[in-house]
Amino acid sequence: MSPKTLSTPAKPTRTGPRRPILSEDVISFTECRGKLGEYFEKTRRTHRPIVVTQNGKPTSVIVSIVDWEPLSNSWENEQRIAEQVIADLQTSEEQFARGEFHSNKEVFGMMQKEFGL
C-alpha cells in the first residue's frame, strides 16, 4: 500500500490499540526508515502498533494518535489514583496514631443505621 492511499480505518478499541501480530507488525529499523509513511497508515488503519527493532531487539513502537490518546489518559488517571491512595493511607495512619478510629462493632452499627442492614 502506498503512503498516499488512505483506506477506511478500523474502529479503535476503548482502551487503545490492538495487540500487534508478530508476523506482520515487527519490523527492522532499516525497513521502517524506508517505508515510514506506509507504517503510519497501517497503524491508523489497523489500530495495531508496529514494533521496530534494532539489531534484532525491540526498541520502539509506532502507534496511531487515535490509539495513543486513550493510553496516555489511562496512565495519567492511574497515576492520579495511585497518588490519592497513598495520600489516603498516610491520612489513615495519622488518624490511627491519634486514636481516631472505630472498632469493627462500631462500624457495623453505623452500617446498620445507614443502610438498614
C-alpha atoms as a PDB file:
ATOM      1  CA  MET A   1       0.000   0.000   0.000  1.00  0.00           C
ATOM      2  CA  SER A   2       1.453   3.383  -0.900  1.00  0.00           C
ATOM      3  CA  PRO A   3       1.599   6.120   1.746  1.00  0.00           C
ATOM      4  CA  LYS A   4      -0.768   8.267  -0.343  1.00  0.00           C
ATOM      5  CA  THR A   5      -3.554   5.658  -0.367  1.00  0.00           C
ATOM      6  CA  LEU A   6      -5.840   6.131   2.619  1.00  0.00           C
ATOM      7  CA  SER A   7      -8.314   3.446   3.488  1.00  0.00           C
ATOM      8  CA  THR A   8     -11.138   3.480   5.980  1.00  0.00           C
ATOM      9  CA  PRO A   9      -9.657   2.782   9.410  1.00  0.00           C
ATOM     10  CA  ALA A  10     -10.958   0.113  11.733  1.00  0.00           C
ATOM     11  CA  LYS A  11     -12.684   1.437  14.820  1.00  0.00           C
ATOM     12  CA  PRO A  12     -10.270   1.875  17.737  1.00  0.00           C
ATOM     13  CA  THR A  13     -10.847  -0.107  20.873  1.00  0.00           C
ATOM     14  CA  ARG A  14     -11.913   1.679  24.043  1.00  0.00           C
ATOM     15  CA  THR A  15      -8.582   1.049  25.708  1.00  0.00           C
ATOM     16  CA  GLY A  16      -6.286   1.867  22.822  1.00  0.00           C
ATOM     17  CA  PRO A  17      -4.505  -0.173  20.202  1.00  0.00           C
ATOM     18  CA  ARG A  18      -4.998  -3.821  19.492  1.00  0.00           C
ATOM     19  CA  ARG A  19      -2.170  -6.311  20.061  1.00  0.00           C
ATOM     20  CA  PRO A  20       0.435  -6.482  17.332  1.00  0.00           C
ATOM     21  CA  ILE A  21       0.542  -9.534  15.089  1.00  0.00           C
ATOM     22  CA  LEU A  22       4.160 -10.609  15.442  1.00  0.00           C
ATOM     23  CA  SER A  23       4.431 -11.970  11.902  1.00  0.00           C
ATOM     24  CA  GLU A  24       3.166  -8.674  10.428  1.00  0.00           C
ATOM     25  CA  ASP A  25       3.859  -5.902  12.916  1.00  0.00           C
ATOM     26  CA  VAL A  26       7.513  -6.355  13.904  1.00  0.00           C
ATOM     27  CA  ILE A  27       9.956  -4.662  11.544  1.00  0.00           C
ATOM     28  CA  SER A  28      13.603  -3.676  11.487  1.00  0.00           C
ATOM     29  CA  PHE A  29      14.665  -0.042  11.736  1.00  0.00           C
ATOM     30  CA  THR A  30      16.085  -0.262   8.216  1.00  0.00           C
ATOM     31  CA  GLU A  31      12.738  -1.427   6.821  1.00  0.00           C
ATOM     32  CA  CYS A  32      10.863   1.177   8.850  1.00  0.00           C
ATOM     33  CA  ARG A  33      13.059   4.008   7.626  1.00  0.00           C
ATOM     34  CA  GLY A  34      12.279   3.193   4.006  1.00  0.00           C
ATOM     35  CA  LYS A  35       8.506   2.809   4.444  1.00  0.00           C
ATOM     36  CA  LEU A  36       7.619   5.066   7.380  1.00  0.00           C
ATOM     37  CA  GLY A  37       4.576   6.613   5.667  1.00  0.00           C
ATOM     38  CA  GLU A  38       3.168   3.160   4.944  1.00  0.00           C
ATOM     39  CA  TYR A  39       3.589   2.129   8.559  1.00  0.00           C
ATOM     40  CA  PHE A  40       1.879   5.305   9.784  1.00  0.00           C
ATOM     41  CA  GLU A  41      -1.057   4.450   7.523  1.00  0.00           C
ATOM     42  CA  LYS A  42      -1.069   0.838   8.694  1.00  0.00           C
ATOM     43  CA  THR A  43      -1.295   1.799  12.382  1.00  0.00           C
ATOM     44  CA  ARG A  44      -4.077   4.269  11.585  1.00  0.00           C
ATOM     45  CA  ARG A  45      -5.990   1.657   9.580  1.00  0.00           C
ATOM     46  CA  THR A  46      -5.496  -1.454  11.731  1.00  0.00           C
ATOM     47  CA  HIS A  47      -5.143   0.089  15.206  1.00  0.00           C
ATOM     48  CA  ARG A  48      -2.245  -2.281  15.807  1.00  0.00           C
ATOM     49  CA  PRO A  49       1.123  -0.916  16.902  1.00  0.00           C
ATOM     50  CA  ILE A  50       4.256  -1.528  14.852  1.00  0.00           C
ATOM     51  CA  VAL A  51       7.255  -2.785  16.856  1.00  0.00           C
ATOM     52  CA  VAL A  52      10.575  -1.513  15.496  1.00  0.00           C
ATOM     53  CA  THR A  53      13.738  -3.486  16.169  1.00  0.00           C
ATOM     54  CA  GLN A  54      17.421  -2.603  16.083  1.00  0.00           C
ATOM     55  CA  ASN A  55      19.974  -5.388  15.979  1.00  0.00           C
ATOM     56  CA  GLY A  56      17.145  -7.883  16.424  1.00  0.00           C
ATOM     57  CA  LYS A  57      15.831  -6.348  19.665  1.00  0.00           C
ATOM     58  CA  PRO A  58      12.618  -4.329  20.050  1.00  0.00           C
ATOM     59  CA  THR A  59      13.441  -0.663  20.681  1.00  0.00           C
ATOM     60  CA  SER A  60      10.421   1.439  19.678  1.00  0.00           C
ATOM     61  CA  VAL A  61       6.726   1.297  18.881  1.00  0.00           C
ATOM     62  CA  ILE A  62       4.695   3.235  16.318  1.00  0.00           C
ATOM     63  CA  VAL A  63       1.127   3.865  17.481  1.00  0.00           C
ATOM     64  CA  SER A  64      -1.566   5.979  15.816  1.00  0.00           C
ATOM     65  CA  ILE A  65      -2.530   9.129  17.694  1.00  0.00           C
ATOM     66  CA  VAL A  66      -6.127   7.891  17.953  1.00  0.00           C
ATOM     67  CA  ASP A  67      -4.873   4.874  19.900  1.00  0.00           C
ATOM     68  CA  TRP A  68      -2.228   6.793  21.864  1.00  0.00           C
ATOM     69  CA  GLU A  69      -4.651   9.265  23.472  1.00  0.00           C
ATOM     70  CA  PRO A  70      -6.668   6.713  25.489  1.00  0.00           C
ATOM     71  CA  LEU A  71      -3.424   5.039  26.587  1.00  0.00           C
ATOM     72  CA  SER A  72      -1.859   8.252  27.816  1.00  0.00           C
ATOM     73  CA  ASN A  73      -5.111   9.320  29.507  1.00  0.00           C
ATOM     74  CA  SER A  74      -5.419   5.991  31.319  1.00  0.00           C
ATOM     75  CA  TRP A  75      -1.803   6.226  32.531  1.00  0.00           C
ATOM     76  CA  GLU A  76      -2.452   9.743  33.833  1.00  0.00           C
ATOM     77  CA  ASN A  77      -5.624   8.555  35.590  1.00  0.00           C
ATOM     78  CA  GLU A  78      -3.813   5.581  37.141  1.00  0.00           C
ATOM     79  CA  GLN A  79      -1.083   7.916  38.397  1.00  0.00           C
ATOM     80  CA  ARG A  80      -3.663  10.257  39.976  1.00  0.00           C
ATOM     81  CA  ILE A  81      -5.456   7.307  41.597  1.00  0.00           C
ATOM     82  CA  ALA A  82      -2.187   5.917  42.967  1.00  0.00           C
ATOM     83  CA  GLU A  83      -1.257   9.323  44.401  1.00  0.00           C
ATOM     84  CA  GLN A  84      -4.699   9.613  46.037  1.00  0.00           C
ATOM     85  CA  VAL A  85      -4.455   6.106  47.548  1.00  0.00           C
ATOM     86  CA  ILE A  86      -1.042   6.943  49.026  1.00  0.00           C
ATOM     87  CA  ALA A  87      -2.378  10.211  50.469  1.00  0.00           C
ATOM     88  CA  ASP A  88      -5.417   8.402  51.925  1.00  0.00           C
ATOM     89  CA  LEU A  89      -3.186   5.752  53.522  1.00  0.00           C
ATOM     90  CA  GLN A  90      -0.988   8.427  55.070  1.00  0.00           C
ATOM     91  CA  THR A  91      -4.079  10.193  56.461  1.00  0.00           C
ATOM     92  CA  SER A  92      -5.383   6.891  57.839  1.00  0.00           C
ATOM     93  CA  GLU A  93      -2.073   6.162  59.564  1.00  0.00           C
ATOM     94  CA  GLU A  94      -2.063   9.631  61.126  1.00  0.00           C
ATOM     95  CA  GLN A  95      -5.665   9.259  62.318  1.00  0.00           C
ATOM     96  CA  PHE A  96      -4.915   5.831  63.774  1.00  0.00           C
ATOM     97  CA  ALA A  97      -1.861   7.196  65.607  1.00  0.00           C
ATOM     98  CA  ARG A  98      -4.097   9.895  67.170  1.00  0.00           C
ATOM     99  CA  GLY A  99      -6.654   7.268  68.196  1.00  0.00           C
ATOM    100  CA  GLU A 100      -9.218   8.473  65.670  1.00  0.00           C
ATOM    101  CA  PHE A 101     -10.728   5.178  64.572  1.00  0.00           C
ATOM    102  CA  HIS A 102     -13.787   2.974  65.093  1.00  0.00           C
ATOM    103  CA  SER A 103     -13.964  -0.630  66.207  1.00  0.00           C
ATOM    104  CA  ASN A 104     -15.495  -3.251  63.927  1.00  0.00           C
ATOM    105  CA  LYS A 105     -18.580  -3.291  66.158  1.00  0.00           C
ATOM    106  CA  GLU A 106     -18.984   0.478  65.829  1.00  0.00           C
ATOM    107  CA  VAL A 107     -18.574   0.354  62.047  1.00  0.00           C
ATOM    108  CA  PHE A 108     -21.124  -2.443  61.752  1.00  0.00           C
ATOM    109  CA  GLY A 109     -23.567  -0.408  63.864  1.00  0.00           C
ATOM    110  CA  MET A 110     -23.060   2.631  61.600  1.00  0.00           C
ATOM    111  CA  MET A 111     -23.683   0.494  58.520  1.00  0.00           C
ATOM    112  CA  GLN A 112     -26.855  -0.974  60.040  1.00  0.00           C
ATOM    113  CA  LYS A 113     -28.141   2.510  60.777  1.00  0.00           C
ATOM    114  CA  GLU A 114     -27.113   3.970  57.411  1.00  0.00           C
ATOM    115  CA  PHE A 115     -28.093   1.088  55.121  1.00  0.00           C
ATOM    116  CA  GLY A 116     -30.678  -0.788  57.168  1.00  0.00           C
ATOM    117  CA  LEU A 117     -28.612  -3.947  57.376  1.00  0.00           C
END
